[in-house]
Amino acid sequence: MKLEDIRREYTKGGLRREMLAQTPVLQFEQWLQQAVEAKFADPTAMVVATVDEHGQPSQRIVLLKHLDDNGFVFFTNTGSRKAQEIKGNNKVCLHFPWQEIERQVIVYGQAKPLSTAAVAKYFLSRPAESQIAAWASQQSRPVSSRKALMETFHSMKAKFSKGEIPLPDFWGGYCVEPSKVEFWQGGEHRLHDRFMYIKQSDGSWEIDRLNP
């Protein structure tokens, strides 16, 4: 197998300036709806990139759980690697890889912690097993075995078997407030269409076409 020989053409459509919504949130909502209608397994899956104190980037896939004019929301254990890196440097990058329809969206912005009320509202909406898993996992820290993890899970399940599962004090969420958002649509002959929304000081958005 020669990796350099693996290629294909991108033929599912183009993107023109007149097709773009006035704001990146509106444009994203349109594309997300189309990804949902295309029946992707995980249309809300996004890569979250953070940087540690040494400048080393790291990435992981999380699910987008809310979107409005303020930004893109996700939840996590506040002791996790990504949360600790955000604490030191809250500039992050999100990437939505919708390969089936030859699209990508890249969001550049700052991750701001959500209020306890907002976190609790979402946490209590999760399935009970997911709430228990949040209590059982010391996210990003070493664990001796799968068996040890499951033992902790079952111990927590027994502990909370008779009442409402409380919000862990180590569980939180973030809203990524965008400063730039790129929309990428694959094109023939590698002449892809790329548009970058750039937030201005008055809150409006400037749109630039980028070379592929």
Protein backbone atom coordinates (compact mmCIF):
# COMPACT_ATOMS: atom_id res chain seq x y z
CA MET A 1 0.00 0.00 0.00
CA LYS A 2 1.35 3.39 -1.04
CA LEU A 3 -0.17 6.15 1.05
CA GLU A 4 0.77 8.76 -1.54
CA ASP A 5 -1.48 7.00 -4.07
CA ILE A 6 -4.63 7.18 -1.91
CA ARG A 7 -6.71 10.07 -3.22
CA ARG A 8 -10.13 10.97 -4.53
CA GLU A 9 -11.93 13.93 -6.00
CA TYR A 10 -14.28 16.12 -3.95
CA THR A 11 -17.45 16.51 -5.99
CA LYS A 12 -20.37 17.01 -3.61
CA GLY A 13 -20.81 20.72 -4.24
CA GLY A 14 -19.28 24.14 -3.91
CA LEU A 15 -19.62 27.05 -1.52
CA ARG A 16 -20.06 30.63 -2.71
CA ARG A 17 -20.19 33.90 -0.78
CA GLU A 18 -23.83 34.50 -1.69
CA MET A 19 -24.72 31.17 -0.08
CA LEU A 20 -23.34 32.18 3.33
CA ALA A 21 -25.44 33.27 6.30
CA GLN A 22 -24.74 36.61 7.94
CA THR A 23 -23.20 35.07 11.06
CA PRO A 24 -21.14 31.91 11.61
CA VAL A 25 -23.67 30.54 14.13
CA LEU A 26 -26.47 30.71 11.56
CA GLN A 27 -24.24 29.14 8.91
CA PHE A 28 -23.16 26.41 11.33
CA GLU A 29 -26.76 25.64 12.27
CA GLN A 30 -27.61 25.15 8.59
CA TRP A 31 -24.71 22.78 8.04
CA LEU A 32 -25.35 20.91 11.29
CA GLN A 33 -28.98 20.37 10.30
CA GLN A 34 -27.82 18.93 6.98
CA ALA A 35 -25.36 16.65 8.78
CA VAL A 36 -28.19 15.41 11.03
CA GLU A 37 -30.46 14.85 8.04
CA ALA A 38 -27.65 12.87 6.37
CA LYS A 39 -27.90 10.51 9.38
CA PHE A 40 -24.29 10.76 10.50
CA ALA A 41 -23.55 8.53 13.50
CA ASP A 42 -22.21 11.49 15.51
CA PRO A 43 -23.04 14.79 13.79
CA THR A 44 -22.24 16.78 16.96
CA ALA A 45 -18.81 15.19 17.47
CA MET A 46 -16.01 17.73 17.50
CA VAL A 47 -12.28 17.68 18.12
CA VAL A 48 -11.26 20.00 20.95
CA ALA A 49 -7.63 21.14 20.78
CA THR A 50 -5.87 22.65 23.80
CA VAL A 51 -2.26 23.52 24.64
CA ASP A 52 -0.31 22.75 27.82
CA GLU A 53 2.18 24.95 29.67
CA HIS A 54 5.01 23.66 27.44
CA GLY A 55 3.19 24.55 24.22
CA GLN A 56 2.33 20.92 23.49
CA PRO A 57 -1.08 20.66 21.77
CA SER A 58 -3.47 17.82 22.57
CA GLN A 59 -6.78 16.83 21.03
CA ARG A 60 -9.80 14.73 21.87
CA ILE A 61 -13.33 14.21 20.57
CA VAL A 62 -16.25 15.51 22.64
CA LEU A 63 -19.89 16.17 21.81
CA LEU A 64 -21.36 19.62 21.21
CA LYS A 65 -24.25 19.98 23.67
CA HIS A 66 -25.56 23.49 23.05
CA LEU A 67 -25.14 26.31 20.56
CA ASP A 68 -26.34 29.89 20.64
CA ASP A 69 -25.04 33.36 19.78
CA ASN A 70 -22.60 33.14 22.71
CA GLY A 71 -20.84 30.08 21.36
CA PHE A 72 -20.31 26.32 21.42
CA VAL A 73 -20.93 24.39 24.67
CA PHE A 74 -19.45 21.13 25.97
CA PHE A 75 -19.14 19.46 29.38
CA THR A 76 -16.30 17.59 31.06
CA ASN A 77 -14.57 16.57 34.29
CA THR A 78 -12.76 19.66 35.54
CA GLY A 79 -9.82 17.49 36.59
CA SER A 80 -9.35 16.22 33.04
CA ARG A 81 -6.35 17.11 30.94
CA LYS A 82 -8.34 19.42 28.68
CA ALA A 83 -9.88 21.27 31.62
CA GLN A 84 -6.51 21.76 33.28
CA GLU A 85 -5.00 23.01 30.05
CA ILE A 86 -7.94 25.40 29.53
CA LYS A 87 -7.34 26.71 33.06
CA GLY A 88 -3.81 27.67 32.02
CA ASN A 89 -4.67 28.85 28.50
CA ASN A 90 -8.31 29.17 27.51
CA LYS A 91 -7.63 29.67 23.81
CA VAL A 92 -8.94 26.54 22.09
CA CYS A 93 -9.80 25.25 18.64
CA LEU A 94 -12.79 23.10 17.66
CA HIS A 95 -12.96 20.97 14.52
CA PHE A 96 -16.07 19.36 13.03
CA PRO A 97 -14.99 16.78 10.40
CA TRP A 98 -18.08 16.07 8.30
CA GLN A 99 -16.20 13.95 5.77
CA GLU A 100 -19.28 12.23 4.31
CA ILE A 101 -20.45 15.54 2.83
CA GLU A 102 -16.91 16.82 2.24
CA ARG A 103 -17.13 19.61 4.80
CA GLN A 104 -15.18 20.88 7.76
CA VAL A 105 -15.83 23.64 10.26
CA ILE A 106 -13.01 25.05 12.41
CA VAL A 107 -13.78 27.31 15.37
CA TYR A 108 -11.14 29.49 17.04
CA GLY A 109 -12.03 31.06 20.36
CA GLN A 110 -11.82 31.20 24.12
CA ALA A 111 -13.39 28.65 26.48
CA LYS A 112 -15.32 30.30 29.31
CA PRO A 113 -16.58 28.25 32.32
CA LEU A 114 -20.34 27.83 32.59
CA SER A 115 -22.29 28.67 35.73
CA THR A 116 -23.00 25.90 38.25
CA ALA A 117 -26.70 26.26 37.47
CA ALA A 118 -26.13 25.64 33.75
CA VAL A 119 -23.89 22.64 34.48
CA ALA A 120 -26.38 21.15 36.95
CA LYS A 121 -29.27 21.56 34.50
CA TYR A 122 -27.44 19.54 31.86
CA PHE A 123 -26.01 16.98 34.31
CA LEU A 124 -29.46 16.12 35.66
CA SER A 125 -30.73 15.60 32.11
CA ARG A 126 -28.21 12.82 31.45
CA PRO A 127 -29.08 9.13 31.79
CA ALA A 128 -28.46 7.84 35.33
CA GLU A 129 -25.65 5.55 34.16
CA SER A 130 -23.85 8.51 32.59
CA GLN A 131 -24.20 10.50 35.82
CA ILE A 132 -22.76 7.58 37.78
CA ALA A 133 -19.91 7.21 35.27
CA ALA A 134 -19.00 10.86 35.89
CA TRP A 135 -18.61 10.05 39.59
CA ALA A 136 -16.65 6.86 38.86
CA SER A 137 -14.07 8.29 36.48
CA GLN A 138 -11.07 10.37 37.50
CA GLN A 139 -10.75 11.48 33.91
CA SER A 140 -7.28 11.47 32.31
CA ARG A 141 -5.65 9.90 35.39
CA PRO A 142 -4.09 6.40 35.35
CA VAL A 143 -6.29 3.42 36.33
CA SER A 144 -4.89 -0.02 37.03
CA SER A 145 -7.40 -1.97 34.93
CA ARG A 146 -10.83 -2.03 33.35
CA LYS A 147 -11.91 -4.22 36.23
CA ALA A 148 -10.93 -1.54 38.76
CA LEU A 149 -12.87 1.07 36.82
CA MET A 150 -15.99 -1.11 36.72
CA GLU A 151 -15.72 -1.87 40.43
CA THR A 152 -15.74 1.87 41.14
CA PHE A 153 -18.72 2.30 38.82
CA HIS A 154 -20.73 -0.42 40.58
CA SER A 155 -19.76 0.98 43.97
CA MET A 156 -21.06 4.42 42.96
CA LYS A 157 -24.20 2.85 41.48
CA ALA A 158 -24.94 1.20 44.81
CA LYS A 159 -24.18 4.41 46.71
CA PHE A 160 -26.70 6.43 44.68
CA SER A 161 -29.31 3.70 44.22
CA LYS A 162 -31.90 5.28 46.51
CA GLY A 163 -32.02 8.90 45.44
CA GLU A 164 -31.09 11.65 43.02
CA ILE A 165 -27.50 11.59 41.86
CA PRO A 166 -25.88 14.89 42.89
CA LEU A 167 -23.70 17.04 40.67
CA PRO A 168 -20.03 16.23 41.32
CA ASP A 169 -17.99 19.25 42.37
CA PHE A 170 -15.39 18.21 39.78
CA TRP A 171 -17.75 18.30 36.81
CA GLY A 172 -18.27 21.41 34.69
CA GLY A 173 -18.79 22.88 31.26
CA TYR A 174 -17.45 25.50 28.89
CA CYS A 175 -18.77 27.84 26.25
CA VAL A 176 -16.28 28.45 23.45
CA GLU A 177 -16.84 32.04 22.37
CA PRO A 178 -15.67 32.23 18.75
CA SER A 179 -13.40 34.91 17.33
CA LYS A 180 -12.94 33.20 13.95
CA VAL A 181 -14.88 30.38 12.24
CA GLU A 182 -13.82 28.69 8.99
CA PHE A 183 -16.21 26.81 6.70
CA TRP A 184 -14.52 24.41 4.25
CA GLN A 185 -16.24 22.68 1.33
CA GLY A 186 -14.28 20.21 -0.77
CA GLY A 187 -13.82 21.08 -4.45
CA GLU A 188 -12.61 19.37 -7.61
CA HIS A 189 -8.88 19.35 -8.40
CA ARG A 190 -8.18 20.34 -4.78
CA LEU A 191 -9.67 23.80 -5.43
CA HIS A 192 -11.62 23.76 -2.19
CA ASP A 193 -13.90 26.58 -1.05
CA ARG A 194 -12.89 28.16 2.25
CA PHE A 195 -14.51 31.11 3.99
CA MET A 196 -13.38 32.62 7.28
CA TYR A 197 -15.73 34.63 9.51
CA ILE A 198 -13.71 37.10 11.62
CA LYS A 199 -15.36 38.87 14.54
CA GLN A 200 -14.98 42.66 14.56
CA SER A 201 -14.70 44.98 17.55
CA ASP A 202 -18.34 46.05 17.17
CA GLY A 203 -19.55 42.44 17.25
CA SER A 204 -20.19 42.16 13.52
CA TRP A 205 -18.56 39.54 11.30
CA GLU A 206 -16.26 40.09 8.32
CA ILE A 207 -16.03 37.25 5.80
CA ASP A 208 -12.86 36.47 3.82
CA ARG A 209 -12.46 33.85 1.11
CA LEU A 210 -9.23 31.86 1.66
CA ASN A 211 -7.07 30.13 -0.89
CA PRO A 212 -7.43 26.33 -0.74
